[in-house]
Amino acid sequence: MVIDRAFENKLGVKKKMSEGYFQHYYYKYRAIIIVRQVLVFTSNQLLFVLNIEIIYLLNFFHQQIVDWIWNRKSFTFHMRILKKRIKNKINKEKQ
């Protein structure tokens, strides 16, 4: 079982934000950092805690990129791939 928790960073970037605030954040940091924590359990035992830090460097401030970053489905899709890899790794170690 994999429990996936999203952590809001202290700037509250994961919260809904106005375009102005987003642009301010972009020009200030030139990057967007999303940190997620994935807790991996096998039969109720905590195996390991995986911190995933994803940094998007925005060289081109384009709405499409912004939409992709904040598109939950897109992000969840990547998390699913990652979870599958973790699962496979655990199964290989069991064998």
PDB file of N, CA and C in Angstrom:
ATOM      1  N   MET A   1       0.840  -1.190   0.000  1.00  0.00           N
ATOM      2  CA  MET A   1       0.000   0.000   0.000  1.00  0.00           C
ATOM      3  C   MET A   1       0.882   1.250   0.000  1.00  0.00           C
ATOM      4  N   VAL A   2       0.569   2.165  -0.845  1.00  0.00           N
ATOM      5  CA  VAL A   2       1.348   3.400  -0.918  1.00  0.00           C
ATOM      6  C   VAL A   2       0.460   4.571  -0.530  1.00  0.00           C
ATOM      7  N   ILE A   3       0.913   5.322   0.446  1.00  0.00           N
ATOM      8  CA  ILE A   3       0.175   6.517   0.849  1.00  0.00           C
ATOM      9  C   ILE A   3       0.927   7.725   0.308  1.00  0.00           C
ATOM     10  N   ASP A   4       0.226   8.538  -0.414  1.00  0.00           N
ATOM     11  CA  ASP A   4       0.848   9.674  -1.086  1.00  0.00           C
ATOM     12  C   ASP A   4       0.310  10.948  -0.459  1.00  0.00           C
ATOM     13  N   ARG A   5       1.192  11.742   0.114  1.00  0.00           N
ATOM     14  CA  ARG A   5       0.751  12.986   0.741  1.00  0.00           C
ATOM     15  C   ARG A   5       1.405  14.177   0.052  1.00  0.00           C
ATOM     16  N   ALA A   6       0.595  15.152  -0.243  1.00  0.00           N
ATOM     17  CA  ALA A   6       1.147  16.384  -0.810  1.00  0.00           C
ATOM     18  C   ALA A   6       1.389  17.354   0.332  1.00  0.00           C
ATOM     19  N   PHE A   7       2.547  17.941   0.351  1.00  0.00           N
ATOM     20  CA  PHE A   7       2.865  18.910   1.390  1.00  0.00           C
ATOM     21  C   PHE A   7       2.880  20.311   0.802  1.00  0.00           C
ATOM     22  N   GLU A   8       2.131  21.191   1.428  1.00  0.00           N
ATOM     23  CA  GLU A   8       2.180  22.581   0.998  1.00  0.00           C
ATOM     24  C   GLU A   8       3.467  23.169   1.533  1.00  0.00           C
ATOM     25  N   ASN A   9       4.200  23.842   0.671  1.00  0.00           N
ATOM     26  CA  ASN A   9       5.404  24.464   1.210  1.00  0.00           C
ATOM     27  C   ASN A   9       5.015  25.769   1.890  1.00  0.00           C
ATOM     28  N   LYS A  10       5.952  26.348   2.591  1.00  0.00           N
ATOM     29  CA  LYS A  10       5.603  27.484   3.451  1.00  0.00           C
ATOM     30  C   LYS A  10       5.146  28.714   2.675  1.00  0.00           C
ATOM     31  N   LEU A  11       5.445  28.764   1.378  1.00  0.00           N
ATOM     32  CA  LEU A  11       4.971  29.898   0.582  1.00  0.00           C
ATOM     33  C   LEU A  11       3.523  29.697   0.135  1.00  0.00           C
ATOM     34  N   GLY A  12       3.007  28.503   0.379  1.00  0.00           N
ATOM     35  CA  GLY A  12       1.620  28.234  -0.009  1.00  0.00           C
ATOM     36  C   GLY A  12       1.429  28.167  -1.503  1.00  0.00           C
ATOM     37  N   VAL A  13       2.455  27.753  -2.215  1.00  0.00           N
ATOM     38  CA  VAL A  13       2.396  27.753  -3.676  1.00  0.00           C
ATOM     39  C   VAL A  13       1.387  26.734  -4.193  1.00  0.00           C
ATOM     40  N   LYS A  14       1.182  25.659  -3.458  1.00  0.00           N
ATOM     41  CA  LYS A  14       0.239  24.654  -3.924  1.00  0.00           C
ATOM     42  C   LYS A  14      -1.213  25.099  -3.771  1.00  0.00           C
ATOM     43  N   LYS A  15      -1.434  26.144  -3.000  1.00  0.00           N
ATOM     44  CA  LYS A  15      -2.795  26.657  -2.856  1.00  0.00           C
ATOM     45  C   LYS A  15      -3.177  27.393  -4.138  1.00  0.00           C
ATOM     46  N   LYS A  16      -4.473  27.610  -4.260  1.00  0.00           N
ATOM     47  CA  LYS A  16      -4.935  28.376  -5.420  1.00  0.00           C
ATOM     48  C   LYS A  16      -4.273  29.741  -5.378  1.00  0.00           C
ATOM     49  N   MET A  17      -3.748  30.167  -6.503  1.00  0.00           N
ATOM     50  CA  MET A  17      -3.091  31.463  -6.476  1.00  0.00           C
ATOM     51  C   MET A  17      -3.476  32.286  -7.687  1.00  0.00           C
ATOM     52  N   SER A  18      -3.506  33.574  -7.478  1.00  0.00           N
ATOM     53  CA  SER A  18      -3.849  34.467  -8.578  1.00  0.00           C
ATOM     54  C   SER A  18      -2.669  34.540  -9.529  1.00  0.00           C
ATOM     55  N   GLU A  19      -2.968  34.907 -10.758  1.00  0.00           N
ATOM     56  CA  GLU A  19      -1.929  34.962 -11.787  1.00  0.00           C
ATOM     57  C   GLU A  19      -0.821  35.929 -11.387  1.00  0.00           C
ATOM     58  N   GLY A  20      -1.201  37.025 -10.781  1.00  0.00           N
ATOM     59  CA  GLY A  20      -0.221  38.025 -10.360  1.00  0.00           C
ATOM     60  C   GLY A  20       0.755  37.461  -9.351  1.00  0.00           C
ATOM     61  N   TYR A  21       0.204  36.721  -8.401  1.00  0.00           N
ATOM     62  CA  TYR A  21       1.050  36.117  -7.372  1.00  0.00           C
ATOM     63  C   TYR A  21       1.979  35.096  -8.001  1.00  0.00           C
ATOM     64  N   PHE A  22       1.442  34.341  -8.954  1.00  0.00           N
ATOM     65  CA  PHE A  22       2.239  33.324  -9.637  1.00  0.00           C
ATOM     66  C   PHE A  22       3.404  33.964 -10.373  1.00  0.00           C
ATOM     67  N   GLN A  23       3.134  35.041 -11.074  1.00  0.00           N
ATOM     68  CA  GLN A  23       4.185  35.713 -11.830  1.00  0.00           C
ATOM     69  C   GLN A  23       5.234  36.279 -10.884  1.00  0.00           C
ATOM     70  N   HIS A  24       4.789  36.813  -9.784  1.00  0.00           N
ATOM     71  CA  HIS A  24       5.718  37.351  -8.798  1.00  0.00           C
ATOM     72  C   HIS A  24       6.640  36.233  -8.326  1.00  0.00           C
ATOM     73  N   TYR A  25       6.051  35.085  -8.051  1.00  0.00           N
ATOM     74  CA  TYR A  25       6.816  33.925  -7.592  1.00  0.00           C
ATOM     75  C   TYR A  25       7.813  33.490  -8.660  1.00  0.00           C
ATOM     76  N   TYR A  26       7.339  33.501  -9.907  1.00  0.00           N
ATOM     77  CA  TYR A  26       8.201  33.081 -11.017  1.00  0.00           C
ATOM     78  C   TYR A  26       9.401  34.007 -11.168  1.00  0.00           C
ATOM     79  N   TYR A  27       9.157  35.297 -11.199  1.00  0.00           N
ATOM     80  CA  TYR A  27      10.262  36.233 -11.424  1.00  0.00           C
ATOM     81  C   TYR A  27      11.229  36.242 -10.246  1.00  0.00           C
ATOM     82  N   LYS A  28      10.716  35.945  -9.067  1.00  0.00           N
ATOM     83  CA  LYS A  28      11.570  35.961  -7.893  1.00  0.00           C
ATOM     84  C   LYS A  28      12.469  34.728  -7.838  1.00  0.00           C
ATOM     85  N   TYR A  29      11.903  33.573  -8.144  1.00  0.00           N
ATOM     86  CA  TYR A  29      12.647  32.325  -7.944  1.00  0.00           C
ATOM     87  C   TYR A  29      13.073  31.626  -9.229  1.00  0.00           C
ATOM     88  N   ARG A  30      12.488  31.999 -10.350  1.00  0.00           N
ATOM     89  CA  ARG A  30      12.779  31.367 -11.639  1.00  0.00           C
ATOM     90  C   ARG A  30      12.520  29.860 -11.602  1.00  0.00           C
ATOM     91  N   ALA A  31      11.770  29.407 -10.631  1.00  0.00           N
ATOM     92  CA  ALA A  31      11.509  27.974 -10.533  1.00  0.00           C
ATOM     93  C   ALA A  31      10.295  27.726  -9.659  1.00  0.00           C
ATOM     94  N   ILE A  32       9.758  26.568  -9.829  1.00  0.00           N
ATOM     95  CA  ILE A  32       8.647  26.155  -8.983  1.00  0.00           C
ATOM     96  C   ILE A  32       9.061  24.854  -8.351  1.00  0.00           C
ATOM     97  N   ILE A  33       8.921  24.764  -7.067  1.00  0.00           N
ATOM     98  CA  ILE A  33       9.350  23.557  -6.377  1.00  0.00           C
ATOM     99  C   ILE A  33       8.136  22.904  -5.727  1.00  0.00           C
ATOM    100  N   ILE A  34       7.941  21.670  -6.055  1.00  0.00           N
ATOM    101  CA  ILE A  34       6.854  20.910  -5.444  1.00  0.00           C
ATOM    102  C   ILE A  34       7.492  19.757  -4.688  1.00  0.00           C
ATOM    103  N   VAL A  35       7.180  19.657  -3.425  1.00  0.00           N
ATOM    104  CA  VAL A  35       7.715  18.551  -2.637  1.00  0.00           C
ATOM    105  C   VAL A  35       6.557  17.655  -2.233  1.00  0.00           C
ATOM    106  N   ARG A  36       6.701  16.394  -2.536  1.00  0.00           N
ATOM    107  CA  ARG A  36       5.674  15.437  -2.145  1.00  0.00           C
ATOM    108  C   ARG A  36       6.346  14.337  -1.345  1.00  0.00           C
ATOM    109  N   GLN A  37       5.597  13.782  -0.446  1.00  0.00           N
ATOM    110  CA  GLN A  37       6.146  12.697   0.354  1.00  0.00           C
ATOM    111  C   GLN A  37       5.326  11.442   0.106  1.00  0.00           C
ATOM    112  N   VAL A  38       6.021  10.364  -0.169  1.00  0.00           N
ATOM    113  CA  VAL A  38       5.358   9.097  -0.418  1.00  0.00           C
ATOM    114  C   VAL A  38       5.790   8.120   0.663  1.00  0.00           C
ATOM    115  N   LEU A  39       4.820   7.610   1.376  1.00  0.00           N
ATOM    116  CA  LEU A  39       5.108   6.619   2.411  1.00  0.00           C
ATOM    117  C   LEU A  39       4.771   5.248   1.840  1.00  0.00           C
ATOM    118  N   VAL A  40       5.712   4.334   1.914  1.00  0.00           N
ATOM    119  CA  VAL A  40       5.520   3.019   1.319  1.00  0.00           C
ATOM    120  C   VAL A  40       5.377   1.967   2.419  1.00  0.00           C
ATOM    121  N   PHE A  41       4.261   1.262   2.382  1.00  0.00           N
ATOM    122  CA  PHE A  41       3.997   0.233   3.388  1.00  0.00           C
ATOM    123  C   PHE A  41       3.908  -1.146   2.731  1.00  0.00           C
ATOM    124  N   THR A  42       4.442  -2.162   3.396  1.00  0.00           N
ATOM    125  CA  THR A  42       4.147  -3.538   2.987  1.00  0.00           C
ATOM    126  C   THR A  42       3.683  -4.254   4.242  1.00  0.00           C
ATOM    127  N   SER A  43       2.527  -4.859   4.163  1.00  0.00           N
ATOM    128  CA  SER A  43       1.880  -5.539   5.296  1.00  0.00           C
ATOM    129  C   SER A  43       2.028  -4.749   6.596  1.00  0.00           C
ATOM    130  N   ASN A  44       1.547  -3.531   6.546  1.00  0.00           N
ATOM    131  CA  ASN A  44       1.508  -2.626   7.713  1.00  0.00           C
ATOM    132  C   ASN A  44       2.864  -2.216   8.276  1.00  0.00           C
ATOM    133  N   GLN A  45       3.932  -2.513   7.574  1.00  0.00           N
ATOM    134  CA  GLN A  45       5.247  -2.066   8.033  1.00  0.00           C
ATOM    135  C   GLN A  45       5.714  -0.922   7.145  1.00  0.00           C
ATOM    136  N   LEU A  46       6.180   0.127   7.786  1.00  0.00           N
ATOM    137  CA  LEU A  46       6.688   1.265   7.023  1.00  0.00           C
ATOM    138  C   LEU A  46       8.056   0.898   6.468  1.00  0.00           C
ATOM    139  N   LEU A  47       8.150   0.804   5.160  1.00  0.00           N
ATOM    140  CA  LEU A  47       9.415   0.419   4.531  1.00  0.00           C
ATOM    141  C   LEU A  47      10.355   1.607   4.446  1.00  0.00           C
ATOM    142  N   PHE A  48       9.907   2.640   3.775  1.00  0.00           N
ATOM    143  CA  PHE A  48      10.734   3.837   3.685  1.00  0.00           C
ATOM    144  C   PHE A  48       9.878   5.043   3.334  1.00  0.00           C
ATOM    145  N   VAL A  49      10.412   6.190   3.595  1.00  0.00           N
ATOM    146  CA  VAL A  49       9.739   7.437   3.250  1.00  0.00           C
ATOM    147  C   VAL A  49      10.509   8.047   2.090  1.00  0.00           C
ATOM    148  N   LEU A  50       9.792   8.325   1.059  1.00  0.00           N
ATOM    149  CA  LEU A  50      10.430   8.847  -0.138  1.00  0.00           C
ATOM    150  C   LEU A  50      10.014  10.299  -0.333  1.00  0.00           C
ATOM    151  N   ASN A  51      10.977  11.181  -0.303  1.00  0.00           N
ATOM    152  CA  ASN A  51      10.688  12.587  -0.583  1.00  0.00           C
ATOM    153  C   ASN A  51      11.002  12.859  -2.041  1.00  0.00           C
ATOM    154  N   ILE A  52      10.022  13.363  -2.739  1.00  0.00           N
ATOM    155  CA  ILE A  52      10.231  13.662  -4.148  1.00  0.00           C
ATOM    156  C   ILE A  52      10.191  15.171  -4.316  1.00  0.00           C
ATOM    157  N   GLU A  53      11.251  15.710  -4.810  1.00  0.00           N
ATOM    158  CA  GLU A  53      11.287  17.147  -5.041  1.00  0.00           C
ATOM    159  C   GLU A  53      11.338  17.363  -6.544  1.00  0.00           C
ATOM    160  N   ILE A  54      10.339  18.020  -7.045  1.00  0.00           N
ATOM    161  CA  ILE A  54      10.276  18.266  -8.480  1.00  0.00           C
ATOM    162  C   ILE A  54      10.460  19.751  -8.721  1.00  0.00           C
ATOM    163  N   ILE A  55      11.463  20.076  -9.495  1.00  0.00           N
ATOM    164  CA  ILE A  55      11.734  21.486  -9.758  1.00  0.00           C
ATOM    165  C   ILE A  55      11.477  21.763 -11.237  1.00  0.00           C
ATOM    166  N   TYR A  56      10.592  22.669 -11.487  1.00  0.00           N
ATOM    167  CA  TYR A  56      10.320  23.074 -12.855  1.00  0.00           C
ATOM    168  C   TYR A  56      11.012  24.414 -13.082  1.00  0.00           C
ATOM    169  N   LEU A  57      11.975  24.433 -13.953  1.00  0.00           N
ATOM    170  CA  LEU A  57      12.607  25.701 -14.297  1.00  0.00           C
ATOM    171  C   LEU A  57      11.846  26.277 -15.478  1.00  0.00           C
ATOM    172  N   LEU A  58      11.323  27.445 -15.266  1.00  0.00           N
ATOM    173  CA  LEU A  58      10.486  28.032 -16.307  1.00  0.00           C
ATOM    174  C   LEU A  58      11.264  29.065 -17.103  1.00  0.00           C
ATOM    175  N   ASN A  59      11.874  28.602 -18.176  1.00  0.00           N
ATOM    176  CA  ASN A  59      12.583  29.546 -19.033  1.00  0.00           C
ATOM    177  C   ASN A  59      11.589  30.342 -19.862  1.00  0.00           C
ATOM    178  N   PHE A  60      10.499  29.702 -20.204  1.00  0.00           N
ATOM    179  CA  PHE A  60       9.476  30.381 -20.984  1.00  0.00           C
ATOM    180  C   PHE A  60       8.204  30.413 -20.156  1.00  0.00           C
ATOM    181  N   PHE A  61       7.822  31.600 -19.768  1.00  0.00           N
ATOM    182  CA  PHE A  61       6.606  31.712 -18.968  1.00  0.00           C
ATOM    183  C   PHE A  61       5.423  31.614 -19.914  1.00  0.00           C
ATOM    184  N   HIS A  62       4.911  30.421 -20.031  1.00  0.00           N
ATOM    185  CA  HIS A  62       3.846  30.176 -20.987  1.00  0.00           C
ATOM    186  C   HIS A  62       2.678  29.517 -20.275  1.00  0.00           C
ATOM    187  N   GLN A  63       1.469  29.935 -20.606  1.00  0.00           N
ATOM    188  CA  GLN A  63       0.278  29.442 -19.924  1.00  0.00           C
ATOM    189  C   GLN A  63       0.168  27.922 -19.984  1.00  0.00           C
ATOM    190  N   GLN A  64       0.581  27.355 -21.107  1.00  0.00           N
ATOM    191  CA  GLN A  64       0.486  25.904 -21.279  1.00  0.00           C
ATOM    192  C   GLN A  64       1.338  25.183 -20.235  1.00  0.00           C
ATOM    193  N   ILE A  65       2.533  25.695 -20.000  1.00  0.00           N
ATOM    194  CA  ILE A  65       3.427  25.106 -19.002  1.00  0.00           C
ATOM    195  C   ILE A  65       2.798  25.237 -17.625  1.00  0.00           C
ATOM    196  N   VAL A  66       2.259  26.407 -17.361  1.00  0.00           N
ATOM    197  CA  VAL A  66       1.620  26.663 -16.069  1.00  0.00           C
ATOM    198  C   VAL A  66       0.470  25.683 -15.861  1.00  0.00           C
ATOM    199  N   ASP A  67      -0.351  25.516 -16.903  1.00  0.00           N
ATOM    200  CA  ASP A  67      -1.476  24.586 -16.818  1.00  0.00           C
ATOM    201  C   ASP A  67      -0.982  23.181 -16.532  1.00  0.00           C
ATOM    202  N   TRP A  68       0.111  22.797 -17.189  1.00  0.00           N
ATOM    203  CA  TRP A  68       0.638  21.443 -17.009  1.00  0.00           C
ATOM    204  C   TRP A  68       1.118  21.245 -15.578  1.00  0.00           C
ATOM    205  N   ILE A  69       1.822  22.237 -15.057  1.00  0.00           N
ATOM    206  CA  ILE A  69       2.365  22.119 -13.704  1.00  0.00           C
ATOM    207  C   ILE A  69       1.249  21.973 -12.685  1.00  0.00           C
ATOM    208  N   TRP A  70       0.219  22.789 -12.837  1.00  0.00           N
ATOM    209  CA  TRP A  70      -0.826  22.782 -11.814  1.00  0.00           C
ATOM    210  C   TRP A  70      -1.966  21.833 -12.147  1.00  0.00           C
ATOM    211  N   ASN A  71      -1.796  21.076 -13.227  1.00  0.00           N
ATOM    212  CA  ASN A  71      -2.812  20.100 -13.602  1.00  0.00           C
ATOM    213  C   ASN A  71      -2.624  18.860 -12.735  1.00  0.00           C
ATOM    214  N   ARG A  72      -3.549  18.659 -11.866  1.00  0.00           N
ATOM    215  CA  ARG A  72      -3.443  17.564 -10.884  1.00  0.00           C
ATOM    216  C   ARG A  72      -3.345  16.194 -11.564  1.00  0.00           C
ATOM    217  N   LYS A  73      -4.141  16.002 -12.605  1.00  0.00           N
ATOM    218  CA  LYS A  73      -4.144  14.713 -13.302  1.00  0.00           C
ATOM    219  C   LYS A  73      -2.755  14.397 -13.837  1.00  0.00           C
ATOM    220  N   SER A  74      -2.148  15.380 -14.440  1.00  0.00           N
ATOM    221  CA  SER A  74      -0.822  15.193 -15.020  1.00  0.00           C
ATOM    222  C   SER A  74       0.175  14.789 -13.946  1.00  0.00           C
ATOM    223  N   PHE A  75       0.121  15.487 -12.815  1.00  0.00           N
ATOM    224  CA  PHE A  75       1.061  15.209 -11.734  1.00  0.00           C
ATOM    225  C   PHE A  75       0.802  13.826 -11.143  1.00  0.00           C
ATOM    226  N   THR A  76      -0.479  13.503 -10.973  1.00  0.00           N
ATOM    227  CA  THR A  76      -0.856  12.201 -10.415  1.00  0.00           C
ATOM    228  C   THR A  76      -0.394  11.077 -11.328  1.00  0.00           C
ATOM    229  N   PHE A  77      -0.464  11.325 -12.627  1.00  0.00           N
ATOM    230  CA  PHE A  77      -0.028  10.321 -13.602  1.00  0.00           C
ATOM    231  C   PHE A  77       1.447   9.979 -13.390  1.00  0.00           C
ATOM    232  N   HIS A  78       2.265  10.990 -13.193  1.00  0.00           N
ATOM    233  CA  HIS A  78       3.695  10.760 -12.963  1.00  0.00           C
ATOM    234  C   HIS A  78       3.922  10.041 -11.637  1.00  0.00           C
ATOM    235  N   MET A  79       3.122  10.379 -10.641  1.00  0.00           N
ATOM    236  CA  MET A  79       3.230   9.710  -9.350  1.00  0.00           C
ATOM    237  C   MET A  79       2.887   8.229  -9.492  1.00  0.00           C
ATOM    238  N   ARG A  80       1.902   7.935 -10.358  1.00  0.00           N
ATOM    239  CA  ARG A  80       1.484   6.544 -10.560  1.00  0.00           C
ATOM    240  C   ARG A  80       2.619   5.713 -11.151  1.00  0.00           C
ATOM    241  N   ILE A  81       3.327   6.279 -12.119  1.00  0.00           N
ATOM    242  CA  ILE A  81       4.472   5.600 -12.727  1.00  0.00           C
ATOM    243  C   ILE A  81       5.521   5.316 -11.663  1.00  0.00           C
ATOM    244  N   LEU A  82       5.772   6.314 -10.843  1.00  0.00           N
ATOM    245  CA  LEU A  82       6.767   6.185  -9.782  1.00  0.00           C
ATOM    246  C   LEU A  82       6.362   5.094  -8.792  1.00  0.00           C
ATOM    247  N   LYS A  83       5.099   5.091  -8.415  1.00  0.00           N
ATOM    248  CA  LYS A  83       4.595   4.089  -7.469  1.00  0.00           C
ATOM    249  C   LYS A  83       4.750   2.681  -8.037  1.00  0.00           C
ATOM    250  N   LYS A  84       4.484   2.558  -9.347  1.00  0.00           N
ATOM    251  CA  LYS A  84       4.609   1.260 -10.001  1.00  0.00           C
ATOM    252  C   LYS A  84       6.050   0.762  -9.906  1.00  0.00           C
ATOM    253  N   ARG A  85       6.996   1.669 -10.127  1.00  0.00           N
ATOM    254  CA  ARG A  85       8.414   1.313 -10.034  1.00  0.00           C
ATOM    255  C   ARG A  85       8.776   0.863  -8.619  1.00  0.00           C
ATOM    256  N   ILE A  86       8.252   1.581  -7.627  1.00  0.00           N
ATOM    257  CA  ILE A  86       8.521   1.231  -6.227  1.00  0.00           C
ATOM    258  C   ILE A  86       7.960  -0.161  -5.936  1.00  0.00           C
ATOM    259  N   LYS A  87       6.736  -0.401  -6.390  1.00  0.00           N
ATOM    260  CA  LYS A  87       6.072  -1.686  -6.172  1.00  0.00           C
ATOM    261  C   LYS A  87       6.886  -2.828  -6.783  1.00  0.00           C
ATOM    262  N   ASN A  88       7.331  -2.621  -8.022  1.00  0.00           N
ATOM    263  CA  ASN A  88       8.136  -3.634  -8.704  1.00  0.00           C
ATOM    264  C   ASN A  88       9.419  -3.921  -7.943  1.00  0.00           C
ATOM    265  N   LYS A  89      10.023  -2.859  -7.432  1.00  0.00           N
ATOM    266  CA  LYS A  89      11.270  -2.991  -6.685  1.00  0.00           C
ATOM    267  C   LYS A  89      11.048  -3.827  -5.420  1.00  0.00           C
ATOM    268  N   ILE A  90       9.959  -3.548  -4.713  1.00  0.00           N
ATOM    269  CA  ILE A  90       9.633  -4.290  -3.487  1.00  0.00           C
ATOM    270  C   ILE A  90       9.402  -5.767  -3.816  1.00  0.00           C
ATOM    271  N   ASN A  91       8.657  -6.023  -4.890  1.00  0.00           N
ATOM    272  CA  ASN A  91       8.364  -7.405  -5.284  1.00  0.00           C
ATOM    273  C   ASN A  91       9.627  -8.168  -5.659  1.00  0.00           C
ATOM    274  N   LYS A  92      10.552  -7.496  -6.336  1.00  0.00           N
ATOM    275  CA  LYS A  92      11.820  -8.134  -6.715  1.00  0.00           C
ATOM    276  C   LYS A  92      12.629  -8.493  -5.475  1.00  0.00           C
ATOM    277  N   GLU A  93      12.634  -7.585  -4.500  1.00  0.00           N
ATOM    278  CA  GLU A  93      13.396  -7.824  -3.273  1.00  0.00           C
ATOM    279  C   GLU A  93      12.803  -8.982  -2.473  1.00  0.00           C
ATOM    280  N   LYS A  94      11.492  -9.163  -2.559  1.00  0.00           N
ATOM    281  CA  LYS A  94      10.818 -10.254  -1.835  1.00  0.00           C
ATOM    282  C   LYS A  94      11.205 -11.616  -2.405  1.00  0.00           C
ATOM    283  N   GLN A  95      11.396 -11.662  -3.718  1.00  0.00           N
ATOM    284  CA  GLN A  95      11.682 -12.945  -4.389  1.00  0.00           C
ATOM    285  C   GLN A  95      13.064 -13.478  -4.048  1.00  0.00           C
TER     286      GLN A  95
END
